[in-house]
């Protein structure tokens, strides 16, 4: 039954929900521990090996936290490991990427105007780039550059700029920015899984064996945690970008994505400094504001031909079936009559400069290409069009449902 599309959409929704929840948990824990680490202060009565302590109040209670630079002299009976937030975020994000950009690759991933790829080739580039990215980053951190954190961060930024440009050469605009976010998030989770946690296990094993742990393991973990701290905000922006054509629907999207990484540095520098000294440098907000103004300007600046990824791709065999179906003509006029004032290359709706989510519904190819989305958004639900824009008649929705079901044979 074609109503499997509803089930599939709910699966995607639930996976996205899980991804957002786990990401909130991971980001919250990351920000908290970075802030805690910076707020630690020495005290005269601290135990041997302690680096600093911090008193906090929350929820009606007082909390006393002590940090050991390497490890305490004995292993605590109860030890909480902060790892599953990261793992769950990456696993749910990977599942969501597969659902949206691999299964739906012909619509959301491939842009033949940029690179004429088969679906399997695009998927291979998608998955392979995430793996190669982690291996390259990890090798840099393990090299002598690991002793020069600032230089290493600059090289990492250069790599992200190159990847931003590269993804925009082969994928659709929305897929390019999403993959840059996944590329960065894979580095972050790789830091936790391959470096931070194994090094902490070595420290725990040394404590159990009665050996004094080596301080180098804490130093390695601190470097990787710092990178994660500065990369978090850009990743969140990139994950949200596919909802905003102004971010991905321009030929300068790769520059926009690159500049976002700089805002992540300026914003986090303010808060990190504030947590450490009690006062953050206000110039960081001015720089951030200027960067966002530049990003907004780039999102509207066009040269040459107007960027339009939807015109480039021919219909797939399945999409061609929708275009040739008996009920297509009636459904097409129902869609155009109710949706094209907004979902147009030049929207006629006052104040709307870009089609929502970059979805165009003007031509027969447009409508056939987005059959599944139209079915869910305007056929089986009343999500579209917005009721304050136009009141779509029930008969029009029935024409859309009948058209799609005819193709699916139910």
Protein backbone atom coordinates (compact mmCIF):
# COMPACT_ATOMS: atom_id res chain seq x y z
CA UNK A 1 0.00 0.00 0.00
CA UNK A 2 1.20 3.51 -0.74
CA UNK A 3 0.24 4.50 2.78
CA UNK A 4 3.60 2.96 3.61
CA UNK A 5 4.75 6.49 2.71
CA UNK A 6 2.97 7.66 5.88
CA UNK A 7 4.70 4.98 7.94
CA UNK A 8 8.06 5.87 6.39
CA UNK A 9 7.49 9.54 7.13
CA UNK A 10 6.70 8.73 10.76
CA UNK A 11 9.85 6.65 10.99
CA UNK A 12 11.85 9.61 9.70
CA UNK A 13 10.06 11.91 12.17
CA UNK A 14 10.81 9.61 15.12
CA UNK A 15 14.46 9.26 14.14
CA UNK A 16 14.73 13.06 13.79
CA UNK A 17 13.07 13.46 17.18
CA UNK A 18 15.55 11.04 18.73
CA UNK A 19 18.41 12.86 17.02
CA UNK A 20 17.35 16.24 18.39
CA UNK A 21 16.87 14.90 21.93
CA UNK A 22 20.23 13.14 22.06
CA UNK A 23 21.95 16.14 20.48
CA UNK A 24 20.49 18.37 23.19
CA UNK A 25 21.82 15.99 25.84
CA UNK A 26 25.28 15.85 24.24
CA UNK A 27 25.57 19.59 23.66
CA UNK A 28 24.29 20.36 27.14
CA UNK A 29 26.79 18.01 28.77
CA UNK A 30 29.62 19.35 26.60
CA UNK A 31 28.88 22.98 27.40
CA UNK A 32 28.46 22.20 31.08
CA UNK A 33 31.79 20.41 31.47
CA UNK A 34 33.69 23.03 29.47
CA UNK A 35 32.19 25.74 31.69
CA UNK A 36 32.87 23.71 34.83
CA UNK A 37 36.47 23.13 33.82
CA UNK A 38 37.02 26.84 33.26
CA UNK A 39 35.36 27.85 36.54
CA UNK A 40 37.46 25.55 38.75
CA UNK A 41 39.38 27.34 41.47
CA UNK A 42 42.15 26.06 43.81
CA UNK A 43 41.34 25.65 47.50
CA UNK A 44 43.62 25.06 50.50
CA UNK A 45 41.86 21.91 51.70
CA UNK A 46 41.70 20.01 48.41
CA UNK A 47 42.83 16.35 48.39
CA UNK A 48 46.17 15.37 46.90
CA UNK A 49 46.20 15.41 43.10
CA UNK A 50 43.17 17.69 42.85
CA UNK A 51 43.36 20.52 40.34
CA UNK A 52 40.46 22.69 41.46
CA UNK A 53 36.94 22.76 42.84
CA UNK A 54 33.66 24.48 42.17
CA UNK A 55 30.54 25.02 44.26
CA UNK A 56 27.21 25.26 42.42
CA UNK A 57 23.56 25.59 43.36
CA UNK A 58 20.72 24.14 41.31
CA UNK A 59 17.23 22.83 41.98
CA UNK A 60 17.33 23.75 45.65
CA UNK A 61 20.58 21.90 46.38
CA UNK A 62 24.32 22.59 46.55
CA UNK A 63 26.86 20.67 44.50
CA UNK A 64 30.57 20.42 45.25
CA UNK A 65 32.72 19.30 42.34
CA UNK A 66 36.45 18.52 42.52
CA UNK A 67 38.58 17.85 39.46
CA UNK A 68 41.70 15.71 39.49
CA UNK A 69 44.27 16.69 36.90
CA UNK A 70 45.07 13.04 36.16
CA UNK A 71 43.08 10.80 38.50
CA UNK A 72 42.35 10.28 42.21
CA UNK A 73 44.56 7.91 44.20
CA UNK A 74 41.87 5.23 44.06
CA UNK A 75 39.03 4.30 41.73
CA UNK A 76 35.64 5.54 42.99
CA UNK A 77 32.98 2.91 43.61
CA UNK A 78 30.52 4.78 41.39
CA UNK A 79 31.78 6.29 38.14
CA UNK A 80 29.49 7.88 35.53
CA UNK A 81 30.73 7.78 31.94
CA UNK A 82 29.50 10.55 29.64
CA UNK A 83 29.59 8.86 26.26
CA UNK A 84 26.14 7.68 25.22
CA UNK A 85 24.92 11.19 24.44
CA UNK A 86 27.57 11.44 21.72
CA UNK A 87 27.09 7.91 20.39
CA UNK A 88 23.30 8.19 20.27
CA UNK A 89 23.46 11.55 18.51
CA UNK A 90 25.77 10.24 15.80
CA UNK A 91 23.92 6.95 15.30
CA UNK A 92 20.51 8.63 15.04
CA UNK A 93 21.98 11.30 12.74
CA UNK A 94 23.53 8.64 10.51
CA UNK A 95 20.19 6.83 10.35
CA UNK A 96 18.43 10.06 9.42
CA UNK A 97 20.98 10.82 6.72
CA UNK A 98 20.40 7.36 5.23
CA UNK A 99 16.62 7.76 5.32
CA UNK A 100 16.53 11.23 3.76
CA UNK A 101 19.63 11.44 1.58
CA UNK A 102 20.36 7.84 0.63
CA UNK A 103 16.88 6.34 0.24
CA UNK A 104 15.64 9.69 -1.15
CA UNK A 105 18.89 10.35 -2.97
CA UNK A 106 17.45 10.94 -6.41
CA UNK A 107 15.46 13.89 -5.09
CA UNK A 108 17.55 15.29 -2.24
CA UNK A 109 21.15 14.22 -2.87
CA UNK A 110 21.96 14.17 -6.59
CA UNK A 111 22.26 17.27 -8.76
CA UNK A 112 23.28 16.27 -12.33
CA UNK A 113 23.99 19.92 -13.18
CA UNK A 114 26.95 19.63 -10.83
CA UNK A 115 27.93 15.96 -11.17
CA UNK A 116 26.18 13.28 -13.22
CA UNK A 117 26.27 10.53 -10.59
CA UNK A 118 24.41 7.28 -10.20
CA UNK A 119 22.69 6.94 -6.85
CA UNK A 120 25.20 4.34 -5.63
CA UNK A 121 28.07 6.65 -6.52
CA UNK A 122 26.54 9.56 -4.62
CA UNK A 123 25.93 7.34 -1.59
CA UNK A 124 29.52 6.11 -1.74
CA UNK A 125 30.81 9.68 -1.78
CA UNK A 126 28.46 10.53 1.07
CA UNK A 127 29.57 7.74 3.38
CA UNK A 128 33.19 7.63 2.23
CA UNK A 129 33.80 11.33 2.80
CA UNK A 130 32.72 11.06 6.44
CA UNK A 131 35.16 8.19 7.04
CA UNK A 132 38.07 9.81 5.21
CA UNK A 133 37.45 13.09 7.02
CA UNK A 134 37.85 11.47 10.42
CA UNK A 135 41.01 9.59 9.41
CA UNK A 136 42.65 12.77 8.07
CA UNK A 137 41.72 14.82 11.12
CA UNK A 138 42.89 12.11 13.54
CA UNK A 139 46.23 11.84 11.75
CA UNK A 140 46.76 15.60 12.06
CA UNK A 141 46.00 15.55 15.79
CA UNK A 142 48.47 12.71 16.34
CA UNK A 143 51.20 14.51 14.41
CA UNK A 144 53.50 17.22 15.80
CA UNK A 145 50.71 19.70 15.05
CA UNK A 146 48.98 18.37 18.15
CA UNK A 147 51.53 20.35 20.15
CA UNK A 148 50.40 23.58 18.43
CA UNK A 149 46.63 23.83 19.08
CA UNK A 150 46.17 27.18 17.31
CA UNK A 151 47.93 26.01 14.14
CA UNK A 152 45.96 22.79 14.22
CA UNK A 153 42.67 24.71 14.50
CA UNK A 154 43.60 26.87 11.50
CA UNK A 155 44.38 23.78 9.42
CA UNK A 156 41.11 22.20 10.53
CA UNK A 157 39.25 25.33 9.43
CA UNK A 158 40.98 25.17 6.03
CA UNK A 159 39.91 21.53 5.67
CA UNK A 160 36.31 22.45 6.47
CA UNK A 161 36.36 25.21 3.85
CA UNK A 162 37.68 22.77 1.23
CA UNK A 163 35.04 20.20 2.18
CA UNK A 164 32.32 22.85 2.03
CA UNK A 165 33.39 23.75 -1.49
CA UNK A 166 33.76 20.10 -2.49
CA UNK A 167 30.34 19.01 -1.28
CA UNK A 168 28.77 21.91 -3.19
CA UNK A 169 30.43 20.66 -6.38
CA UNK A 170 28.67 17.28 -6.32
CA UNK A 171 25.52 17.45 -4.16
CA UNK A 172 22.36 19.53 -4.05
CA UNK A 173 22.61 22.69 -1.97
CA UNK A 174 20.75 21.30 1.03
CA UNK A 175 22.65 18.00 0.92
CA UNK A 176 25.98 19.82 0.72
CA UNK A 177 25.45 21.79 3.92
CA UNK A 178 23.94 18.82 5.71
CA UNK A 179 26.93 16.66 4.79
CA UNK A 180 29.35 19.30 5.99
CA UNK A 181 27.52 19.17 9.32
CA UNK A 182 27.68 15.36 9.33
CA UNK A 183 31.39 15.53 8.40
CA UNK A 184 32.05 17.78 11.40
CA UNK A 185 29.81 15.78 13.76
CA UNK A 186 31.62 12.58 12.75
CA UNK A 187 34.90 14.18 13.82
CA UNK A 188 33.34 15.15 17.14
CA UNK A 189 31.94 11.69 17.87
CA UNK A 190 35.15 10.11 16.62
CA UNK A 191 37.00 12.15 19.22
CA UNK A 192 34.81 10.67 21.94
CA UNK A 193 34.79 7.07 20.68
CA UNK A 194 38.36 6.66 19.43
CA UNK A 195 40.31 8.99 21.72
CA UNK A 196 38.62 10.38 24.81
CA UNK A 197 36.97 7.16 26.02
CA UNK A 198 39.91 4.77 25.28
CA UNK A 199 42.30 7.10 27.11
CA UNK A 200 39.96 7.28 30.07
CA UNK A 201 39.79 3.48 30.12
CA UNK A 202 43.59 3.35 30.29
CA UNK A 203 43.51 5.67 33.30
CA UNK A 204 40.86 3.50 34.99
CA UNK A 205 42.88 0.34 34.28
CA UNK A 206 45.98 1.94 35.80
CA UNK A 207 44.00 2.87 38.92
CA UNK A 208 42.69 -0.68 39.29
CA UNK A 209 46.21 -2.04 38.95
CA UNK A 210 47.60 0.40 41.48
CA UNK A 211 49.67 2.29 38.90
CA UNK A 212 49.92 6.06 38.61
CA UNK A 213 48.18 7.13 35.35
CA UNK A 214 50.15 9.11 32.78
CA UNK A 215 49.07 12.75 32.49
CA UNK A 216 49.37 12.61 28.67
CA UNK A 217 46.02 10.86 28.38
CA UNK A 218 44.21 13.76 30.01
CA UNK A 219 46.06 16.18 27.74
CA UNK A 220 44.92 14.33 24.61
CA UNK A 221 41.32 14.25 25.82
CA UNK A 222 41.42 17.98 26.60
CA UNK A 223 42.58 18.84 23.06
CA UNK A 224 39.80 16.81 21.45
CA UNK A 225 37.17 18.15 23.86
CA UNK A 226 38.22 21.71 23.05
CA UNK A 227 37.78 21.05 19.33
CA UNK A 228 34.32 19.63 19.99
CA UNK A 229 33.43 22.71 22.01
CA UNK A 230 34.21 25.10 19.16
CA UNK A 231 32.57 22.93 16.49
CA UNK A 232 29.23 22.45 18.23
CA UNK A 233 27.41 25.65 17.24
CA UNK A 234 28.31 25.45 13.51
CA UNK A 235 27.09 21.84 13.41
CA UNK A 236 23.71 22.89 14.83
CA UNK A 237 23.43 25.63 12.19
CA UNK A 238 24.28 23.20 9.36
CA UNK A 239 21.75 20.65 10.61
CA UNK A 240 19.03 23.33 10.58
CA UNK A 241 20.08 24.80 7.23
CA UNK A 242 18.02 22.43 5.07
CA UNK A 243 14.89 24.24 6.27
CA UNK A 244 16.14 27.61 4.98
CA UNK A 245 16.80 28.08 1.24
CA UNK A 246 18.62 31.34 1.98
CA UNK A 247 21.35 29.19 3.54
CA UNK A 248 21.63 26.40 0.96
CA UNK A 249 19.91 27.74 -2.18
CA UNK A 250 22.68 30.03 -3.38
CA UNK A 251 25.90 29.51 -5.29
CA UNK A 252 27.75 30.97 -2.32
CA UNK A 253 26.38 28.44 0.16
CA UNK A 254 29.84 26.96 0.65
CA UNK A 255 31.18 30.37 1.75
CA UNK A 256 28.21 30.85 4.08
CA UNK A 257 28.92 27.47 5.68
CA UNK A 258 32.60 28.34 6.06
CA UNK A 259 31.86 31.66 7.76
CA UNK A 260 29.52 29.94 10.21
CA UNK A 261 32.51 28.10 11.65
CA UNK A 262 34.08 31.46 12.48
CA UNK A 263 30.95 32.53 14.37
CA UNK A 264 31.21 29.31 16.37
CA UNK A 265 34.70 30.34 17.43
CA UNK A 266 33.77 33.91 18.37
CA UNK A 267 30.67 32.94 20.34
CA UNK A 268 32.35 30.12 22.24
CA UNK A 269 35.42 32.30 22.92
CA UNK A 270 33.15 34.78 24.67
CA UNK A 271 31.52 32.18 26.91
CA UNK A 272 34.72 30.25 27.57
CA UNK A 273 36.47 33.46 28.63
CA UNK A 274 33.49 34.52 30.74
CA UNK A 275 33.44 31.19 32.58
CA UNK A 276 37.17 31.43 33.24
CA UNK A 277 37.54 35.10 34.18
CA UNK A 278 34.00 36.22 34.99
CA UNK A 279 33.88 38.61 32.02
CA UNK A 280 33.75 37.85 28.32
CA UNK A 281 35.28 40.03 25.57
CA UNK A 282 32.46 42.08 24.04
CA UNK A 283 34.30 42.45 20.72
CA UNK A 284 33.36 38.83 19.92
CA UNK A 285 29.69 39.83 19.59
CA UNK A 286 30.56 42.63 17.19
CA UNK A 287 32.58 40.24 15.05
CA UNK A 288 29.77 37.69 15.16
CA UNK A 289 27.21 40.31 14.11
CA UNK A 290 29.40 41.45 11.20
CA UNK A 291 29.86 37.85 10.07
CA UNK A 292 26.09 37.28 10.13
CA UNK A 293 25.50 40.46 8.12
CA UNK A 294 28.03 39.21 5.56
CA UNK A 295 26.31 35.81 5.48
CA UNK A 296 22.89 37.41 4.96
CA UNK A 297 24.30 39.52 2.11
CA UNK A 298 25.90 36.51 0.43
CA UNK A 299 22.61 34.62 0.61
CA UNK A 300 20.94 37.16 -1.69
CA UNK A 301 23.82 37.97 -4.02
CA UNK A 302 23.66 36.25 -7.39
CA UNK A 303 25.89 36.36 -10.45
CA UNK A 304 25.35 34.67 -13.77
CA UNK A 305 22.49 32.20 -14.07
CA UNK A 306 20.06 31.82 -11.20
CA UNK A 307 20.86 28.76 -9.13
CA UNK A 308 18.12 26.20 -9.65
CA UNK A 309 18.98 22.60 -8.83
CA UNK A 310 15.47 21.29 -9.55
CA UNK A 311 15.64 22.15 -13.26
CA UNK A 312 18.79 20.11 -13.75
CA UNK A 313 17.62 16.59 -13.08
CA UNK A 314 15.52 14.51 -15.44
CA UNK A 315 12.66 12.53 -13.97
CA UNK A 316 13.49 9.09 -12.60
CA UNK A 317 11.50 6.10 -13.91
CA UNK A 318 9.25 6.21 -10.83
CA UNK A 319 8.68 9.95 -11.19
CA UNK A 320 7.90 9.44 -14.87
CA UNK A 321 5.09 7.09 -13.85
CA UNK A 322 3.55 9.88 -11.81
CA UNK A 323 3.79 12.24 -14.79
CA UNK A 324 2.08 9.74 -17.11
CA UNK A 325 -0.65 8.60 -14.72
CA UNK A 326 -4.27 9.09 -15.79
CA UNK A 327 -5.11 11.38 -12.88
CA UNK A 328 -1.99 13.51 -13.19
CA UNK A 329 -3.49 16.39 -15.15
CA UNK A 330 -6.24 17.04 -12.61
CA UNK A 331 -3.80 16.72 -9.71
CA UNK A 332 -1.33 19.02 -11.46
CA UNK A 333 -3.87 21.83 -11.79
CA UNK A 334 -4.93 21.29 -8.17
CA UNK A 335 -1.34 21.72 -7.04
CA UNK A 336 -0.53 24.67 -9.29
CA UNK A 337 -3.75 26.44 -8.35
CA UNK A 338 -3.08 26.13 -4.65
CA UNK A 339 0.68 26.00 -4.22
CA UNK A 340 2.57 27.74 -7.02
CA UNK A 341 2.12 31.28 -5.71
CA UNK A 342 4.68 30.39 -3.02
CA UNK A 343 6.48 27.38 -4.51
CA UNK A 344 7.73 29.27 -7.55
CA UNK A 345 11.09 30.35 -8.87
CA UNK A 346 9.83 33.89 -8.43
CA UNK A 347 7.11 33.67 -5.74
CA UNK A 348 4.17 36.02 -6.13
CA UNK A 349 3.31 35.93 -2.42
CA UNK A 350 4.13 39.32 -0.94
CA UNK A 351 7.36 39.32 1.06
CA UNK A 352 8.40 35.81 -0.03
CA UNK A 353 11.63 35.87 -2.04
CA UNK A 354 12.41 32.15 -2.15
CA UNK A 355 10.22 29.09 -2.40
CA UNK A 356 9.79 27.40 1.01
CA UNK A 357 12.52 24.77 1.43
CA UNK A 358 13.53 25.42 -2.18
CA UNK A 359 10.61 23.29 -3.46
CA UNK A 360 9.20 24.43 -6.82
CA UNK A 361 5.71 23.39 -7.96
CA UNK A 362 5.22 25.21 -11.24
CA UNK A 363 5.84 22.71 -14.03
CA UNK A 364 4.61 19.18 -14.59
CA UNK A 365 8.12 17.91 -13.89
CA UNK A 366 8.13 19.79 -10.59
CA UNK A 367 4.87 18.21 -9.47
CA UNK A 368 5.83 14.69 -10.59
CA UNK A 369 9.20 15.03 -8.85
CA UNK A 370 7.60 15.94 -5.51
CA UNK A 371 4.66 13.52 -5.67
CA UNK A 372 5.38 11.87 -2.33
CA UNK A 373 5.76 15.17 -0.50
CA UNK A 374 2.61 16.60 -2.09
CA UNK A 375 0.69 13.46 -1.11
CA UNK A 376 1.75 13.77 2.54
CA UNK A 377 1.63 17.56 2.87
CA UNK A 378 -1.50 18.42 0.88
CA UNK A 379 -3.26 15.09 0.29
CA UNK A 380 -3.25 13.06 3.47
CA UNK A 381 -2.75 16.06 5.76
CA UNK A 382 -3.69 19.76 5.70
CA UNK A 383 -0.15 20.94 6.39
CA UNK A 384 -0.05 22.73 3.04
CA UNK A 385 -1.03 25.22 1.88
CA UNK A 386 -1.08 27.37 5.04
CA UNK A 387 -4.71 28.23 5.86
CA UNK A 388 -3.97 31.95 5.99
CA UNK A 389 -2.57 31.76 2.45
CA UNK A 390 -5.36 29.89 0.69
CA UNK A 391 -8.22 27.57 1.61
CA UNK A 392 -7.64 24.41 -0.42
CA UNK A 393 -10.89 22.67 -1.28
CA UNK A 394 -11.34 19.04 -0.12
CA UNK A 395 -11.97 18.03 -3.74
CA UNK A 396 -8.51 19.24 -4.71
CA UNK A 397 -6.92 17.17 -1.96
CA UNK A 398 -8.91 14.13 -3.10
CA UNK A 399 -7.56 14.55 -6.64
CA UNK A 400 -4.00 14.45 -5.29
CA UNK A 401 -4.67 11.33 -3.21
CA UNK A 402 -6.38 9.57 -6.11
CA UNK A 403 -3.49 10.42 -8.48
CA UNK A 404 -0.79 9.06 -6.20
CA UNK A 405 -2.75 5.97 -5.21
CA UNK A 406 -3.41 5.22 -8.86
CA UNK A 407 0.32 5.01 -9.49
CA UNK A 408 0.87 2.87 -6.41
CA UNK A 409 -2.03 0.58 -7.27
CA UNK A 410 -4.28 0.94 -4.25
